[in-house]
Amino acid sequence: MNLVPVFQTSILISAVLVVLLILLQQRGASLGAGLGGSGELFTTRRGLDKSLFNTTIVFVVIFVLSILGLLLIPS
């Protein structure tokens, strides 16, 4: 059984989903926050924000494991 196409497909899908999930997350509402000019407080994640964060972690793990699996399969 050839697993290379399965790993390649999972890498592609998980990479696209990770990018989309990261872009959906809101952190530091403006450009000034990115440059260090923000005085925002630390808040805990709740609701949809927590779900997006956890889903992002799951897809990053899938992405990394797929890459490792592809590297470890003898060609």
C-alpha atoms as a PDB file:
ATOM      1  CA  MET A   1       0.000   0.000   0.000  1.00  0.00           C
ATOM      2  CA  ASN A   2       1.385   3.369  -1.035  1.00  0.00           C
ATOM      3  CA  LEU A   3       0.992   5.950   1.752  1.00  0.00           C
ATOM      4  CA  VAL A   4       2.802   8.822   0.019  1.00  0.00           C
ATOM      5  CA  PRO A   5      -0.354  10.308  -1.590  1.00  0.00           C
ATOM      6  CA  VAL A   6      -2.199  10.056   1.734  1.00  0.00           C
ATOM      7  CA  PHE A   7       0.550  11.976   3.554  1.00  0.00           C
ATOM      8  CA  GLN A   8       0.835  14.546   0.759  1.00  0.00           C
ATOM      9  CA  THR A   9      -2.902  15.168   0.810  1.00  0.00           C
ATOM     10  CA  SER A  10      -2.991  15.491   4.599  1.00  0.00           C
ATOM     11  CA  ILE A  11      -0.058  17.940   4.485  1.00  0.00           C
ATOM     12  CA  LEU A  12      -1.808  20.107   1.914  1.00  0.00           C
ATOM     13  CA  ILE A  13      -5.182  20.110   3.656  1.00  0.00           C
ATOM     14  CA  SER A  14      -3.760  20.669   7.137  1.00  0.00           C
ATOM     15  CA  ALA A  15      -1.475  23.485   5.913  1.00  0.00           C
ATOM     16  CA  VAL A  16      -4.378  25.361   4.335  1.00  0.00           C
ATOM     17  CA  LEU A  17      -6.546  24.853   7.429  1.00  0.00           C
ATOM     18  CA  VAL A  18      -3.782  26.006   9.780  1.00  0.00           C
ATOM     19  CA  VAL A  19      -3.333  29.216   7.803  1.00  0.00           C
ATOM     20  CA  LEU A  20      -7.072  29.883   7.800  1.00  0.00           C
ATOM     21  CA  LEU A  21      -7.435  29.116  11.503  1.00  0.00           C
ATOM     22  CA  ILE A  22      -4.543  31.392  12.406  1.00  0.00           C
ATOM     23  CA  LEU A  23      -6.020  34.214  10.342  1.00  0.00           C
ATOM     24  CA  LEU A  24      -9.397  33.776  12.059  1.00  0.00           C
ATOM     25  CA  GLN A  25      -7.928  34.275  15.508  1.00  0.00           C
ATOM     26  CA  GLN A  26      -8.015  37.811  16.867  1.00  0.00           C
ATOM     27  CA  ARG A  27      -5.114  39.055  18.884  1.00  0.00           C
ATOM     28  CA  GLY A  28      -4.098  42.698  19.430  1.00  0.00           C
ATOM     29  CA  ALA A  29      -6.668  44.561  17.325  1.00  0.00           C
ATOM     30  CA  SER A  30      -4.373  47.020  15.511  1.00  0.00           C
ATOM     31  CA  LEU A  31      -0.978  47.565  13.931  1.00  0.00           C
ATOM     32  CA  GLY A  32       0.165  49.428  17.033  1.00  0.00           C
ATOM     33  CA  ALA A  33      -0.335  46.261  19.054  1.00  0.00           C
ATOM     34  CA  GLY A  34       1.987  44.408  16.681  1.00  0.00           C
ATOM     35  CA  LEU A  35       4.690  47.026  17.140  1.00  0.00           C
ATOM     36  CA  GLY A  36       4.600  46.859  20.921  1.00  0.00           C
ATOM     37  CA  GLY A  37       2.516  49.963  21.542  1.00  0.00           C
ATOM     38  CA  SER A  38      -0.356  48.145  23.179  1.00  0.00           C
ATOM     39  CA  GLY A  39      -1.262  47.971  26.835  1.00  0.00           C
ATOM     40  CA  GLU A  40      -3.590  45.019  26.566  1.00  0.00           C
ATOM     41  CA  LEU A  41      -4.355  42.774  29.498  1.00  0.00           C
ATOM     42  CA  PHE A  42      -3.930  39.016  29.572  1.00  0.00           C
ATOM     43  CA  THR A  43      -7.296  37.338  29.243  1.00  0.00           C
ATOM     44  CA  THR A  44      -8.261  33.690  29.171  1.00  0.00           C
ATOM     45  CA  ARG A  45      -9.684  32.179  26.031  1.00  0.00           C
ATOM     46  CA  ARG A  46     -13.385  31.405  26.088  1.00  0.00           C
ATOM     47  CA  GLY A  47     -15.984  30.077  23.722  1.00  0.00           C
ATOM     48  CA  LEU A  48     -15.213  30.237  20.020  1.00  0.00           C
ATOM     49  CA  ASP A  49     -11.747  31.686  20.611  1.00  0.00           C
ATOM     50  CA  LYS A  50     -10.775  28.663  22.712  1.00  0.00           C
ATOM     51  CA  SER A  51     -12.236  26.256  20.144  1.00  0.00           C
ATOM     52  CA  LEU A  52     -10.285  27.934  17.307  1.00  0.00           C
ATOM     53  CA  PHE A  53      -7.101  27.798  19.366  1.00  0.00           C
ATOM     54  CA  ASN A  54      -7.502  24.095  20.184  1.00  0.00           C
ATOM     55  CA  THR A  55      -8.453  23.228  16.599  1.00  0.00           C
ATOM     56  CA  THR A  56      -5.367  25.069  15.358  1.00  0.00           C
ATOM     57  CA  ILE A  57      -3.172  23.014  17.675  1.00  0.00           C
ATOM     58  CA  VAL A  58      -4.755  19.775  16.430  1.00  0.00           C
ATOM     59  CA  PHE A  59      -4.158  20.655  12.784  1.00  0.00           C
ATOM     60  CA  VAL A  60      -0.569  21.757  13.464  1.00  0.00           C
ATOM     61  CA  VAL A  61       0.093  18.380  15.106  1.00  0.00           C
ATOM     62  CA  ILE A  62      -1.476  16.601  12.105  1.00  0.00           C
ATOM     63  CA  PHE A  63       0.684  18.713   9.779  1.00  0.00           C
ATOM     64  CA  VAL A  64       3.918  17.920  11.638  1.00  0.00           C
ATOM     65  CA  LEU A  65       3.129  14.200  11.960  1.00  0.00           C
ATOM     66  CA  SER A  66       2.293  14.008   8.253  1.00  0.00           C
ATOM     67  CA  ILE A  67       5.610  15.578   7.333  1.00  0.00           C
ATOM     68  CA  LEU A  68       7.492  13.212   9.640  1.00  0.00           C
ATOM     69  CA  GLY A  69       5.573  10.257   8.246  1.00  0.00           C
ATOM     70  CA  LEU A  70       6.428  11.302   4.704  1.00  0.00           C
ATOM     71  CA  LEU A  71      10.101  11.645   5.608  1.00  0.00           C
ATOM     72  CA  LEU A  72      10.249   8.248   7.303  1.00  0.00           C
ATOM     73  CA  ILE A  73       8.602   6.259   4.493  1.00  0.00           C
ATOM     74  CA  PRO A  74      11.206   4.690   2.241  1.00  0.00           C
ATOM     75  CA  SER A  75      10.701   5.778  -1.355  1.00  0.00           C
END
